[in-house]
């Protein structure tokens, strides 16, 4: 189904440390999520296939570069609340991504058992 991979970049670890600190202000938390979104976007792109692309430079020479396949097919689904800033960072990498929204919340009134809780989904709008 889904593959889990930890992001072990030092910068990502520093941002996560700031996000987890109880000393981090709300503004710094949001800024950190934007930064983390960029890091995650760059990590995700590494798994995309590429193909060779030749371009002519302004000096008239031919440059052999790459094109990232399926880059334009990315769709980012935001789960409302804290994910908005994370999505902002992802969109800075996937600038042509389609976007969708899911409004969900923890059903805290039902309690938490074995570190698990129910989620209520109130709204879904996806491309």
N, C-alpha and C. Protein backbone atom coordinates (compact mmCIF):
# COMPACT_ATOMS: atom_id res chain seq x y z
N UNK A 1 0.84 -1.18 0.00
CA UNK A 1 0.00 0.00 0.00
C UNK A 1 0.88 1.25 0.00
N UNK A 2 1.34 1.69 1.16
CA UNK A 2 2.21 2.86 1.24
C UNK A 2 3.56 2.44 1.78
N UNK A 3 4.58 3.07 1.28
CA UNK A 3 5.93 2.79 1.76
C UNK A 3 6.34 3.88 2.74
N UNK A 4 6.85 3.49 3.87
CA UNK A 4 7.32 4.44 4.88
C UNK A 4 8.81 4.62 4.73
N UNK A 5 9.27 5.85 4.73
CA UNK A 5 10.70 6.14 4.68
C UNK A 5 10.98 7.34 5.56
N UNK A 6 11.89 7.19 6.47
CA UNK A 6 12.26 8.30 7.35
C UNK A 6 13.13 9.28 6.58
N UNK A 7 12.93 10.56 6.83
CA UNK A 7 13.77 11.60 6.26
C UNK A 7 14.86 11.90 7.29
N UNK A 8 16.09 11.56 6.95
CA UNK A 8 17.19 11.69 7.91
C UNK A 8 18.10 12.88 7.63
N UNK A 9 17.61 13.86 6.92
CA UNK A 9 18.41 15.04 6.65
C UNK A 9 18.56 15.86 7.93
N UNK A 10 19.76 16.36 8.17
CA UNK A 10 20.00 17.13 9.40
C UNK A 10 19.08 18.34 9.50
N UNK A 11 18.87 19.01 8.38
CA UNK A 11 17.99 20.18 8.41
C UNK A 11 16.58 19.79 8.82
N UNK A 12 16.07 18.69 8.27
CA UNK A 12 14.73 18.22 8.63
C UNK A 12 14.66 17.87 10.11
N UNK A 13 15.72 17.25 10.63
CA UNK A 13 15.75 16.90 12.05
C UNK A 13 15.73 18.14 12.93
N UNK A 14 16.46 19.18 12.50
CA UNK A 14 16.45 20.43 13.27
C UNK A 14 15.06 21.06 13.26
N UNK A 15 14.42 21.11 12.10
CA UNK A 15 13.07 21.68 12.00
C UNK A 15 12.11 20.88 12.87
N UNK A 16 12.19 19.55 12.83
CA UNK A 16 11.31 18.72 13.66
C UNK A 16 11.55 18.98 15.14
N UNK A 17 12.79 19.19 15.52
CA UNK A 17 13.10 19.50 16.92
C UNK A 17 12.41 20.80 17.33
N UNK A 18 12.47 21.81 16.47
CA UNK A 18 11.81 23.08 16.77
C UNK A 18 10.30 22.90 16.84
N UNK A 19 9.73 22.11 15.93
CA UNK A 19 8.28 21.90 15.92
C UNK A 19 7.81 21.18 17.18
N UNK A 20 8.61 20.28 17.70
CA UNK A 20 8.21 19.49 18.86
C UNK A 20 8.43 20.20 20.19
N UNK A 21 9.18 21.27 20.18
CA UNK A 21 9.48 21.98 21.42
C UNK A 21 8.26 22.75 21.92
N UNK A 22 7.98 22.64 23.20
CA UNK A 22 6.87 23.40 23.78
C UNK A 22 7.20 24.89 23.84
N UNK A 23 8.45 25.25 23.61
CA UNK A 23 8.88 26.65 23.62
C UNK A 23 8.61 27.34 22.28
N UNK A 24 8.27 26.59 21.25
CA UNK A 24 8.07 27.15 19.91
C UNK A 24 6.74 27.90 19.84
N UNK A 25 6.82 29.16 19.40
CA UNK A 25 5.60 29.97 19.27
C UNK A 25 4.77 29.49 18.10
N UNK A 26 3.52 29.94 18.05
CA UNK A 26 2.62 29.55 16.97
C UNK A 26 3.16 30.00 15.61
N UNK A 27 3.71 31.21 15.56
CA UNK A 27 4.25 31.74 14.30
C UNK A 27 5.45 30.90 13.86
N UNK A 28 6.35 30.58 14.78
CA UNK A 28 7.51 29.77 14.43
C UNK A 28 7.11 28.35 14.05
N UNK A 29 6.05 27.84 14.67
CA UNK A 29 5.54 26.51 14.33
C UNK A 29 5.08 26.49 12.87
N UNK A 30 4.31 27.51 12.48
CA UNK A 30 3.83 27.57 11.09
C UNK A 30 4.99 27.71 10.11
N UNK A 31 5.96 28.58 10.44
CA UNK A 31 7.13 28.74 9.57
C UNK A 31 7.90 27.43 9.44
N UNK A 32 8.00 26.70 10.56
CA UNK A 32 8.69 25.42 10.54
C UNK A 32 7.98 24.41 9.65
N UNK A 33 6.65 24.41 9.68
CA UNK A 33 5.90 23.49 8.82
C UNK A 33 6.11 23.82 7.34
N UNK A 34 6.20 25.11 7.01
CA UNK A 34 6.49 25.49 5.62
C UNK A 34 7.86 24.94 5.22
N UNK A 35 8.86 25.14 6.09
CA UNK A 35 10.21 24.63 5.81
C UNK A 35 10.19 23.11 5.64
N UNK A 36 9.48 22.44 6.54
CA UNK A 36 9.41 20.98 6.48
C UNK A 36 8.71 20.52 5.20
N UNK A 37 7.69 21.25 4.76
CA UNK A 37 7.01 20.93 3.50
C UNK A 37 7.96 20.98 2.32
N UNK A 38 8.85 21.97 2.32
CA UNK A 38 9.84 22.05 1.24
C UNK A 38 10.79 20.86 1.28
N UNK A 39 11.28 20.53 2.47
CA UNK A 39 12.19 19.39 2.61
C UNK A 39 11.51 18.11 2.14
N UNK A 40 10.27 17.89 2.58
CA UNK A 40 9.54 16.69 2.17
C UNK A 40 9.31 16.67 0.66
N UNK A 41 8.97 17.82 0.09
CA UNK A 41 8.78 17.90 -1.35
C UNK A 41 10.04 17.51 -2.11
N UNK A 42 11.19 18.01 -1.66
CA UNK A 42 12.45 17.66 -2.31
C UNK A 42 12.76 16.17 -2.15
N UNK A 43 12.43 15.60 -1.02
CA UNK A 43 12.62 14.16 -0.81
C UNK A 43 11.70 13.35 -1.73
N UNK A 44 10.46 13.76 -1.85
CA UNK A 44 9.50 13.05 -2.69
C UNK A 44 9.94 13.06 -4.15
N UNK A 45 10.44 14.19 -4.61
CA UNK A 45 10.88 14.32 -6.01
C UNK A 45 11.99 13.32 -6.34
N UNK A 46 12.79 12.96 -5.35
CA UNK A 46 13.88 12.00 -5.59
C UNK A 46 13.37 10.65 -6.08
N UNK A 47 12.12 10.32 -5.77
CA UNK A 47 11.55 9.03 -6.20
C UNK A 47 10.92 9.08 -7.59
N UNK A 48 10.82 10.25 -8.18
CA UNK A 48 10.23 10.38 -9.51
C UNK A 48 11.24 9.94 -10.57
N UNK A 49 10.73 9.38 -11.65
CA UNK A 49 11.59 9.03 -12.78
C UNK A 49 11.92 10.29 -13.56
N UNK A 50 13.06 10.25 -14.25
CA UNK A 50 13.47 11.38 -15.08
C UNK A 50 13.78 10.89 -16.49
N UNK A 51 13.85 11.84 -17.39
CA UNK A 51 14.29 11.54 -18.75
C UNK A 51 15.21 12.67 -19.20
N UNK A 52 16.07 12.35 -20.13
CA UNK A 52 17.01 13.34 -20.64
C UNK A 52 16.27 14.42 -21.41
N UNK A 53 16.73 15.65 -21.26
CA UNK A 53 16.14 16.76 -22.01
C UNK A 53 17.27 17.67 -22.48
N UNK A 54 17.29 17.93 -23.78
CA UNK A 54 18.29 18.83 -24.34
C UNK A 54 17.69 20.22 -24.48
N UNK A 55 18.44 21.22 -24.05
CA UNK A 55 18.00 22.61 -24.19
C UNK A 55 19.16 23.44 -24.75
N UNK A 56 18.80 24.52 -25.42
CA UNK A 56 19.81 25.44 -25.91
C UNK A 56 19.95 26.58 -24.92
N UNK A 57 21.18 26.87 -24.52
CA UNK A 57 21.44 27.95 -23.56
C UNK A 57 21.43 29.30 -24.28
N UNK A 58 21.38 30.40 -23.54
CA UNK A 58 21.43 31.72 -24.17
C UNK A 58 22.71 31.95 -24.99
N UNK A 59 23.77 31.20 -24.68
CA UNK A 59 25.02 31.33 -25.43
C UNK A 59 25.06 30.43 -26.66
N UNK A 60 23.97 29.70 -26.91
CA UNK A 60 23.87 28.88 -28.10
C UNK A 60 24.43 27.48 -27.97
N UNK A 61 24.86 27.10 -26.79
CA UNK A 61 25.35 25.74 -26.60
C UNK A 61 24.20 24.82 -26.19
N UNK A 62 24.39 23.55 -26.42
CA UNK A 62 23.37 22.56 -26.06
C UNK A 62 23.71 22.01 -24.67
N UNK A 63 22.73 22.02 -23.82
CA UNK A 63 22.90 21.51 -22.45
C UNK A 63 22.05 20.26 -22.30
N UNK A 64 22.66 19.20 -21.77
CA UNK A 64 21.93 17.96 -21.54
C UNK A 64 21.47 17.96 -20.08
N UNK A 65 20.17 18.15 -19.88
CA UNK A 65 19.60 18.17 -18.54
C UNK A 65 18.58 17.06 -18.37
N UNK A 66 17.66 17.26 -17.45
CA UNK A 66 16.62 16.25 -17.21
C UNK A 66 15.25 16.92 -17.14
N UNK A 67 14.24 16.09 -17.32
CA UNK A 67 12.86 16.47 -17.07
C UNK A 67 12.32 15.44 -16.09
N UNK A 68 11.64 15.91 -15.06
CA UNK A 68 11.05 15.01 -14.08
C UNK A 68 9.72 14.53 -14.63
N UNK A 69 9.59 13.22 -14.81
CA UNK A 69 8.35 12.66 -15.36
C UNK A 69 7.21 12.77 -14.35
N UNK A 70 6.04 13.00 -14.86
CA UNK A 70 4.80 13.04 -14.06
C UNK A 70 4.76 14.15 -13.01
N UNK A 71 5.67 15.10 -13.09
CA UNK A 71 5.70 16.21 -12.13
C UNK A 71 4.38 16.97 -12.13
N UNK A 72 3.79 17.09 -13.33
CA UNK A 72 2.54 17.85 -13.46
C UNK A 72 1.32 17.05 -12.99
N UNK A 73 1.50 15.78 -12.64
CA UNK A 73 0.37 14.96 -12.19
C UNK A 73 0.22 14.92 -10.67
N UNK A 74 1.06 15.64 -9.96
CA UNK A 74 1.01 15.63 -8.49
C UNK A 74 -0.27 16.27 -8.00
N UNK A 75 -0.86 15.68 -6.99
CA UNK A 75 -2.04 16.23 -6.33
C UNK A 75 -1.77 16.23 -4.83
N UNK A 76 -1.89 17.38 -4.20
CA UNK A 76 -1.65 17.52 -2.77
C UNK A 76 -2.99 17.66 -2.07
N UNK A 77 -3.26 16.78 -1.12
CA UNK A 77 -4.50 16.82 -0.35
C UNK A 77 -4.17 17.33 1.04
N UNK A 78 -4.76 18.44 1.41
CA UNK A 78 -4.52 19.05 2.72
C UNK A 78 -5.59 18.61 3.70
N UNK A 79 -5.14 18.11 4.85
CA UNK A 79 -6.06 17.85 5.95
C UNK A 79 -6.06 19.12 6.78
N UNK A 80 -7.23 19.75 6.89
CA UNK A 80 -7.31 21.09 7.46
C UNK A 80 -6.68 21.23 8.83
N UNK A 81 -6.26 22.41 9.10
CA UNK A 81 -5.66 22.96 10.31
C UNK A 81 -4.15 23.03 10.13
N UNK A 82 -3.38 22.29 10.88
CA UNK A 82 -1.92 22.45 10.86
C UNK A 82 -1.30 22.13 9.50
N UNK A 83 -1.99 21.42 8.66
CA UNK A 83 -1.41 21.02 7.37
C UNK A 83 -1.32 22.17 6.37
N UNK A 84 -2.05 23.26 6.56
CA UNK A 84 -1.97 24.37 5.60
C UNK A 84 -0.54 24.83 5.38
N UNK A 85 0.23 25.14 6.46
CA UNK A 85 1.61 25.58 6.22
C UNK A 85 2.48 24.49 5.59
N UNK A 86 2.26 23.23 5.95
CA UNK A 86 3.01 22.13 5.34
C UNK A 86 2.72 22.09 3.84
N UNK A 87 1.46 22.25 3.47
CA UNK A 87 1.06 22.28 2.06
C UNK A 87 1.72 23.45 1.35
N UNK A 88 1.82 24.59 2.02
CA UNK A 88 2.48 25.75 1.41
C UNK A 88 3.90 25.41 1.01
N UNK A 89 4.62 24.71 1.87
CA UNK A 89 5.98 24.29 1.54
C UNK A 89 6.03 23.30 0.40
N UNK A 90 5.08 22.35 0.38
CA UNK A 90 5.03 21.37 -0.71
C UNK A 90 4.74 22.05 -2.05
N UNK A 91 3.85 23.03 -2.04
CA UNK A 91 3.48 23.73 -3.27
C UNK A 91 4.65 24.54 -3.82
N UNK A 92 5.58 24.94 -2.96
CA UNK A 92 6.76 25.66 -3.44
C UNK A 92 7.66 24.73 -4.27
N UNK A 93 7.56 23.43 -4.04
CA UNK A 93 8.29 22.46 -4.85
C UNK A 93 7.42 21.97 -6.00
N UNK A 94 6.19 21.55 -5.70
CA UNK A 94 5.26 21.05 -6.72
C UNK A 94 4.34 22.21 -7.15
N UNK A 95 4.91 23.19 -7.82
CA UNK A 95 4.21 24.44 -8.14
C UNK A 95 3.01 24.26 -9.06
N UNK A 96 2.94 23.15 -9.79
CA UNK A 96 1.80 22.94 -10.69
C UNK A 96 0.82 21.90 -10.14
N UNK A 97 0.97 21.54 -8.88
CA UNK A 97 0.13 20.48 -8.29
C UNK A 97 -1.32 20.91 -8.17
N UNK A 98 -2.20 19.96 -8.43
CA UNK A 98 -3.61 20.18 -8.12
C UNK A 98 -3.74 20.05 -6.61
N UNK A 99 -4.76 20.68 -6.04
CA UNK A 99 -4.92 20.63 -4.60
C UNK A 99 -6.33 20.21 -4.21
N UNK A 100 -6.43 19.49 -3.12
CA UNK A 100 -7.71 19.09 -2.55
C UNK A 100 -7.69 19.37 -1.06
N UNK A 101 -8.86 19.22 -0.44
CA UNK A 101 -8.99 19.53 0.99
C UNK A 101 -9.84 18.46 1.66
N UNK A 102 -9.43 18.07 2.85
CA UNK A 102 -10.23 17.20 3.71
C UNK A 102 -10.34 17.89 5.06
N UNK A 103 -11.55 18.04 5.56
CA UNK A 103 -11.76 18.58 6.90
C UNK A 103 -12.01 17.39 7.83
N UNK A 104 -11.11 17.20 8.78
CA UNK A 104 -11.22 16.07 9.70
C UNK A 104 -10.80 16.54 11.09
N UNK A 105 -11.27 15.79 12.10
CA UNK A 105 -10.88 16.11 13.47
C UNK A 105 -10.83 14.84 14.29
N UNK A 106 -10.05 14.90 15.36
CA UNK A 106 -10.02 13.79 16.31
C UNK A 106 -11.33 13.77 17.08
N UNK A 107 -11.93 12.63 17.23
CA UNK A 107 -13.15 12.50 18.04
C UNK A 107 -12.71 12.25 19.48
N UNK A 108 -12.16 13.29 20.10
CA UNK A 108 -11.57 13.16 21.44
C UNK A 108 -12.59 12.77 22.50
N UNK A 109 -13.84 13.14 22.27
CA UNK A 109 -14.87 12.80 23.26
C UNK A 109 -15.09 11.29 23.37
N UNK A 110 -14.67 10.54 22.36
CA UNK A 110 -14.79 9.08 22.40
C UNK A 110 -13.62 8.43 23.14
N UNK A 111 -12.64 9.25 23.49
CA UNK A 111 -11.49 8.73 24.23
C UNK A 111 -10.40 8.19 23.32
N UNK A 112 -9.29 7.86 23.95
CA UNK A 112 -8.14 7.34 23.22
C UNK A 112 -7.76 6.01 23.86
N UNK A 113 -7.66 4.96 23.05
CA UNK A 113 -7.35 3.63 23.55
C UNK A 113 -6.09 3.12 22.85
N UNK A 114 -5.11 2.72 23.63
CA UNK A 114 -3.84 2.21 23.08
C UNK A 114 -3.22 3.19 22.09
N UNK A 115 -3.27 4.47 22.44
CA UNK A 115 -2.71 5.55 21.61
C UNK A 115 -3.39 5.68 20.26
N UNK A 116 -4.62 5.20 20.15
CA UNK A 116 -5.40 5.32 18.93
C UNK A 116 -6.69 6.08 19.23
N UNK A 117 -7.18 6.81 18.24
CA UNK A 117 -8.43 7.56 18.41
C UNK A 117 -9.18 7.57 17.10
N UNK A 118 -10.47 7.80 17.18
CA UNK A 118 -11.32 7.88 15.99
C UNK A 118 -11.15 9.24 15.32
N UNK A 119 -11.33 9.25 14.01
CA UNK A 119 -11.28 10.48 13.21
C UNK A 119 -12.64 10.68 12.57
N UNK A 120 -13.15 11.90 12.67
CA UNK A 120 -14.39 12.26 11.98
C UNK A 120 -14.04 13.11 10.77
N UNK A 121 -14.50 12.70 9.61
CA UNK A 121 -14.29 13.45 8.37
C UNK A 121 -15.58 14.18 8.06
N UNK A 122 -15.49 15.53 7.98
CA UNK A 122 -16.67 16.36 7.75
C UNK A 122 -16.80 16.87 6.32
N UNK A 123 -15.69 16.91 5.58
CA UNK A 123 -15.73 17.52 4.25
C UNK A 123 -14.59 16.92 3.42
N UNK A 124 -14.88 16.62 2.17
CA UNK A 124 -13.86 16.13 1.24
C UNK A 124 -14.07 16.81 -0.10
N UNK A 125 -13.03 17.45 -0.61
CA UNK A 125 -13.07 18.07 -1.94
C UNK A 125 -11.72 17.79 -2.58
N UNK A 126 -11.72 16.84 -3.50
CA UNK A 126 -10.47 16.47 -4.17
C UNK A 126 -10.66 16.54 -5.68
N UNK A 127 -9.59 16.86 -6.40
CA UNK A 127 -9.69 16.93 -7.86
C UNK A 127 -9.96 15.58 -8.50
